[in-house]
Protein backbone atom coordinates (compact mmCIF):
# COMPACT_ATOMS: atom_id res chain seq x y z
CA MET A 1 -80.94 -29.36 94.08
CA SER A 2 -82.91 -30.88 96.85
CA ASP A 3 -84.26 -34.84 96.68
CA HIS A 4 -87.11 -33.47 97.80
CA ALA A 5 -89.98 -33.49 94.76
CA PRO A 6 -91.96 -30.15 94.05
CA GLN A 7 -95.33 -30.64 94.98
CA THR A 8 -97.51 -28.72 92.10
CA GLU A 9 -100.72 -29.80 92.67
CA GLN A 10 -102.51 -30.82 95.76
CA PRO A 11 -105.63 -32.89 96.59
CA HIS A 12 -108.81 -30.66 97.35
CA SER A 13 -111.15 -31.42 99.94
CA GLU A 14 -114.61 -30.19 99.87
CA ASN A 15 -113.97 -27.23 101.52
CA THR A 16 -111.35 -26.05 98.93
CA PRO A 17 -112.95 -23.63 96.58
CA THR A 18 -113.01 -24.57 93.34
CA THR A 19 -111.75 -20.76 92.24
CA THR A 20 -109.32 -18.68 93.28
CA HIS A 21 -107.79 -15.01 92.22
CA PHE A 22 -104.87 -14.87 90.20
CA GLY A 23 -104.07 -10.75 90.09
CA PHE A 24 -108.09 -9.43 89.43
CA LYS A 25 -109.29 -13.02 87.30
CA GLN A 26 -110.60 -15.70 88.75
CA VAL A 27 -109.05 -19.06 87.58
CA GLU A 28 -109.57 -22.66 88.32
CA THR A 29 -107.66 -23.40 92.07
CA GLN A 30 -105.85 -26.23 90.66
CA GLN A 31 -104.35 -23.17 88.09
CA LYS A 32 -103.09 -21.16 90.27
CA VAL A 33 -99.83 -22.78 90.67
CA ALA A 34 -98.83 -23.24 87.35
CA LEU A 35 -99.85 -19.69 86.35
CA VAL A 36 -97.86 -18.44 89.32
CA LYS A 37 -94.76 -20.68 88.03
CA GLU A 38 -94.86 -18.90 84.78
CA VAL A 39 -94.83 -15.55 86.16
CA PHE A 40 -91.86 -16.61 87.94
CA GLN A 41 -90.15 -18.51 85.03
CA SER A 42 -90.03 -15.29 83.38
CA VAL A 43 -88.93 -13.01 85.96
CA ALA A 44 -86.11 -15.31 87.31
CA ALA A 45 -83.44 -13.99 85.16
CA LYS A 46 -83.68 -10.38 86.17
CA TYR A 47 -86.09 -10.39 89.33
CA ASP A 48 -82.83 -8.95 91.38
CA ILE A 49 -82.50 -5.88 89.01
CA MET A 50 -86.28 -5.14 88.48
CA ASN A 51 -86.28 -5.28 92.96
CA ASP A 52 -83.86 -2.53 92.54
CA LEU A 53 -85.67 -0.29 90.09
CA MET A 54 -89.25 -1.12 91.22
CA SER A 55 -87.92 -0.33 95.25
CA LEU A 56 -85.41 2.18 94.35
CA GLY A 57 -83.44 -0.40 96.58
CA ILE A 58 -85.88 0.49 99.41
CA HIS A 59 -86.27 -3.42 99.62
CA ARG A 60 -83.03 -3.79 100.93
CA LEU A 61 -83.53 -1.95 103.53
CA TRP A 62 -86.74 -4.24 104.16
CA LYS A 63 -85.00 -7.32 104.28
CA ARG A 64 -82.54 -5.96 106.49
CA TYR A 65 -85.14 -5.15 108.62
CA THR A 66 -86.42 -8.60 108.58
CA ILE A 67 -83.31 -9.86 109.70
CA ASP A 68 -83.05 -7.68 112.84
CA CYS A 69 -86.21 -8.38 114.01
CA SER A 70 -85.75 -12.07 113.42
CA GLY A 71 -83.50 -13.10 116.01
CA VAL A 72 -81.52 -15.46 114.08
CA ARG A 73 -78.06 -16.56 115.95
CA SER A 74 -74.87 -18.93 115.88
CA GLY A 75 -76.41 -22.99 115.28
CA HIS A 76 -79.78 -21.58 114.29
CA LYS A 77 -81.74 -23.62 111.74
CA VAL A 78 -83.48 -20.62 109.25
CA LEU A 79 -85.92 -21.85 106.78
CA ASP A 80 -86.04 -18.78 103.95
CA LEU A 81 -88.99 -19.52 102.14
CA ALA A 82 -90.24 -18.34 99.00
CA GLY A 83 -86.45 -17.31 99.20
CA GLY A 84 -86.23 -16.63 95.35
CA THR A 85 -83.17 -15.57 95.08
CA GLY A 86 -81.59 -15.93 98.21
CA ASP A 87 -81.30 -12.21 99.78
CA LEU A 88 -82.16 -13.12 103.00
CA SER A 89 -80.16 -16.29 102.71
CA ALA A 90 -77.28 -15.43 102.39
CA ARG A 91 -77.28 -13.11 105.41
CA PHE A 92 -78.65 -15.58 107.36
CA SER A 93 -75.94 -17.61 106.44
CA ARG A 94 -73.06 -15.60 107.88
CA ILE A 95 -74.95 -15.02 111.20
CA VAL A 96 -76.15 -19.18 111.89
CA GLY A 97 -72.51 -20.28 110.92
CA GLU A 98 -71.09 -23.41 110.36
CA SER A 99 -72.52 -24.72 113.42
CA GLY A 100 -76.28 -23.63 112.02
CA LYS A 101 -78.39 -24.31 108.58
CA VAL A 102 -80.44 -22.51 106.33
CA ILE A 103 -82.79 -23.56 103.88
CA LEU A 104 -83.28 -22.00 100.89
CA ALA A 105 -87.22 -22.71 99.46
CA ASP A 106 -89.17 -21.97 96.82
CA ILE A 107 -91.93 -23.31 94.37
CA ASN A 108 -90.07 -22.20 91.36
CA GLU A 109 -87.12 -24.40 89.85
CA ALA A 110 -85.95 -21.05 88.14
CA MET A 111 -85.93 -18.80 91.00
CA LEU A 112 -83.88 -21.46 92.60
CA LYS A 113 -81.35 -22.26 90.33
CA VAL A 114 -80.69 -18.03 90.29
CA GLY A 115 -80.74 -17.75 93.97
CA ARG A 116 -78.32 -20.95 94.00
CA ASP A 117 -75.76 -19.50 91.63
CA LYS A 118 -75.88 -16.33 93.33
CA LEU A 119 -74.83 -17.51 96.53
CA ARG A 120 -72.24 -19.95 95.27
CA ASP A 121 -70.69 -17.06 93.18
CA LEU A 122 -70.73 -15.49 96.76
CA GLY A 123 -68.86 -17.90 98.09
CA ILE A 124 -71.59 -19.38 100.41
CA VAL A 125 -71.81 -23.20 99.97
CA SER A 126 -71.72 -25.24 103.16
CA ASN A 127 -74.10 -24.03 105.05
CA VAL A 128 -77.43 -23.84 102.61
CA ASP A 129 -79.66 -26.36 101.25
CA TYR A 130 -81.96 -26.31 98.64
CA VAL A 131 -85.48 -27.35 98.74
CA GLN A 132 -88.16 -27.14 95.68
CA ALA A 133 -91.42 -26.91 97.91
CA ASN A 134 -94.55 -25.48 98.07
CA ALA A 135 -95.74 -23.47 101.04
CA GLU A 136 -99.11 -25.58 101.32
CA GLU A 137 -97.00 -28.97 102.15
CA LEU A 138 -93.57 -28.57 103.59
CA PRO A 139 -91.49 -31.47 103.15
CA PHE A 140 -89.94 -31.20 106.80
CA PRO A 141 -90.53 -32.71 109.97
CA ASP A 142 -92.68 -30.86 112.67
CA ASN A 143 -90.29 -28.77 115.10
CA THR A 144 -87.68 -28.59 112.50
CA PHE A 145 -87.00 -24.40 112.89
CA ASP A 146 -85.97 -22.45 114.89
CA VAL A 147 -87.06 -19.13 112.80
CA ILE A 148 -88.77 -18.87 109.18
CA THR A 149 -89.33 -16.22 106.78
CA ILE A 150 -91.51 -15.31 103.99
CA ALA A 151 -90.31 -12.32 101.98
CA PHE A 152 -93.08 -11.04 99.19
CA GLY A 153 -94.32 -15.08 98.73
CA LEU A 154 -96.99 -15.26 100.44
CA ARG A 155 -99.19 -13.34 98.33
CA ASN A 156 -98.49 -15.91 95.27
CA VAL A 157 -99.89 -18.86 97.55
CA THR A 158 -102.92 -20.20 96.59
CA ASP A 159 -104.50 -21.56 100.27
CA LYS A 160 -102.69 -19.16 102.79
CA ASP A 161 -104.37 -20.90 105.67
CA LYS A 162 -102.82 -23.74 104.68
CA ALA A 163 -99.28 -21.71 104.51
CA LEU A 164 -99.55 -20.71 107.75
CA ALA A 165 -100.50 -24.27 109.09
CA SER A 166 -97.92 -25.83 107.10
CA MET A 167 -95.33 -23.06 108.67
CA PHE A 168 -96.61 -23.44 112.14
CA ARG A 169 -96.05 -27.21 111.98
CA VAL A 170 -92.85 -26.83 111.38
CA LEU A 171 -91.47 -24.46 113.56
CA LYS A 172 -89.84 -25.34 116.77
CA PRO A 173 -91.45 -24.39 119.84
CA GLY A 174 -90.76 -20.64 120.83
CA GLY A 175 -89.61 -20.51 117.05
CA ARG A 176 -90.62 -17.15 115.37
CA LEU A 177 -92.26 -16.86 111.84
CA LEU A 178 -91.60 -13.71 109.95
CA VAL A 179 -94.01 -12.28 107.04
CA LEU A 180 -92.75 -9.43 104.85
CA GLU A 181 -95.01 -8.43 102.31
CA PHE A 182 -96.64 -5.78 100.29
CA SER A 183 -99.61 -4.23 102.37
CA LYS A 184 -102.01 -1.64 102.46
CA PRO A 185 -100.87 1.95 102.47
CA SER A 186 -101.84 4.06 105.50
CA ASN A 187 -102.31 7.17 103.90
CA GLU A 188 -104.89 7.66 101.07
CA LEU A 189 -102.92 10.13 99.17
CA LEU A 190 -100.14 7.69 99.44
CA SER A 191 -102.07 4.62 98.54
CA LYS A 192 -103.43 6.35 95.46
CA THR A 193 -99.95 7.50 94.35
CA TYR A 194 -98.80 4.11 94.94
CA ASP A 195 -101.49 2.75 92.54
CA LEU A 196 -100.79 4.72 89.93
CA TYR A 197 -97.23 3.73 89.85
CA SER A 198 -98.04 0.38 89.87
CA PHE A 199 -100.48 -0.18 87.16
CA HIS A 200 -99.12 2.61 85.15
CA LEU A 201 -95.54 2.83 84.87
CA LEU A 202 -94.52 -0.90 86.77
CA PRO A 203 -95.70 -3.10 83.86
CA LYS A 204 -93.50 -0.12 81.31
CA ILE A 205 -90.39 -1.00 83.37
CA GLY A 206 -91.36 -4.53 83.44
CA GLN A 207 -91.67 -4.86 79.50
CA LEU A 208 -88.23 -2.41 79.21
CA VAL A 209 -86.06 -3.93 81.33
CA ALA A 210 -87.52 -7.69 81.85
CA ASN A 211 -89.51 -7.57 78.02
CA ASP A 212 -92.41 -8.99 80.16
CA ALA A 213 -95.24 -6.37 80.89
CA ASP A 214 -98.13 -9.14 81.86
CA SER A 215 -96.03 -10.38 84.73
CA TYR A 216 -95.77 -7.09 86.34
CA GLN A 217 -99.00 -6.53 85.83
CA TYR A 218 -100.02 -9.67 87.93
CA LEU A 219 -97.73 -9.10 90.42
CA ALA A 220 -99.11 -5.29 90.88
CA GLU A 221 -102.59 -7.00 91.11
CA SER A 222 -101.16 -9.70 93.02
CA ILE A 223 -100.47 -7.07 96.08
CA ARG A 224 -104.06 -5.78 95.74
CA MET A 225 -105.57 -8.96 96.39
CA HIS A 226 -103.36 -9.56 99.37
CA PRO A 227 -105.17 -9.95 102.87
CA PRO A 228 -104.77 -6.10 104.60
CA GLN A 229 -102.96 -6.08 107.76
CA GLU A 230 -104.92 -6.69 110.37
CA GLU A 231 -106.57 -9.80 108.24
CA LEU A 232 -103.61 -11.33 107.73
CA LYS A 233 -102.83 -11.06 111.41
CA ALA A 234 -106.01 -12.75 112.35
CA MET A 235 -104.59 -15.66 109.89
CA MET A 236 -101.34 -16.23 111.83
CA GLU A 237 -103.55 -16.15 115.02
CA HIS A 238 -106.33 -18.91 113.46
CA ALA A 239 -102.72 -21.31 112.38
CA GLY A 240 -101.39 -20.88 115.86
CA PHE A 241 -99.27 -18.71 115.98
CA GLU A 242 -99.53 -16.35 119.35
CA GLN A 243 -97.68 -12.53 120.41
CA THR A 244 -98.43 -11.88 116.48
CA THR A 245 -98.14 -8.39 115.57
CA TYR A 246 -97.07 -6.19 112.34
CA GLN A 247 -95.03 -3.08 111.88
CA ASN A 248 -95.88 -0.79 108.53
CA LEU A 249 -92.57 -0.03 106.85
CA THR A 250 -92.53 3.07 104.09
CA GLY A 251 -96.01 4.03 105.19
CA GLY A 252 -98.25 0.52 105.24
CA ILE A 253 -96.81 -0.49 101.31
CA VAL A 254 -94.53 -3.34 103.14
CA ALA A 255 -95.57 -4.80 106.33
CA LEU A 256 -93.54 -7.27 108.45
CA HIS A 257 -95.88 -9.33 110.25
CA ARG A 258 -94.19 -11.14 113.56
CA GLY A 259 -95.84 -14.37 115.17
CA TYR A 260 -94.27 -17.16 117.84
CA LYS A 261 -94.77 -20.91 118.67
CA PHE A 262 -95.22 -21.42 122.22
């Protein structure tokens, strides 16, 4: 594990809201990090198998497409933020090679340990480092990374604007950010079907497989509270990203946003 200390609470300015959403509930802003931590402490051990069950394996295609769009090549330095169990990091490690570096960063220690163990079991040792860090206050120098990815993590961040600004700061000029996240389905029938699945079936799967219905209820709610496609695009532009675009995947159930730092 990295020597970087985890940052669990941030000082709040006068402009920081005193409450925020945790799923559909309103909680004290300073409590959200701890509440999200509890969710991922609970689901870490079953996270990969639940991802396969929840998405019928399609999450692997979404992640592969993200990597294809990343432009990562040999020698690059990549930040896999909220990288969890390391799916993206494993692939990036092979692409950047010995002359490159991948940082698998996650705020949650349990998820980071699962990711580290999985990558080591795959024989990935030399070019991946592990850092426990809060996306809102990334512990890296300015202009460090060629590419930053955050897959299915931004919706759990308390202050998304602050996190995007932090990502912009540590990205090199000419570098790109890719945000892969659940979003708003473009078709009304698909949206209703997805809601039915998310709020009725998903918690039951979570109870059966991970013995935790509440965490998966929160994950379903967090998806609904995440900014839709155009709003997230505007947030990225406000943080300084240019040539910002997004592409809907699987009918908008997931969207891949891209932005560049010039």
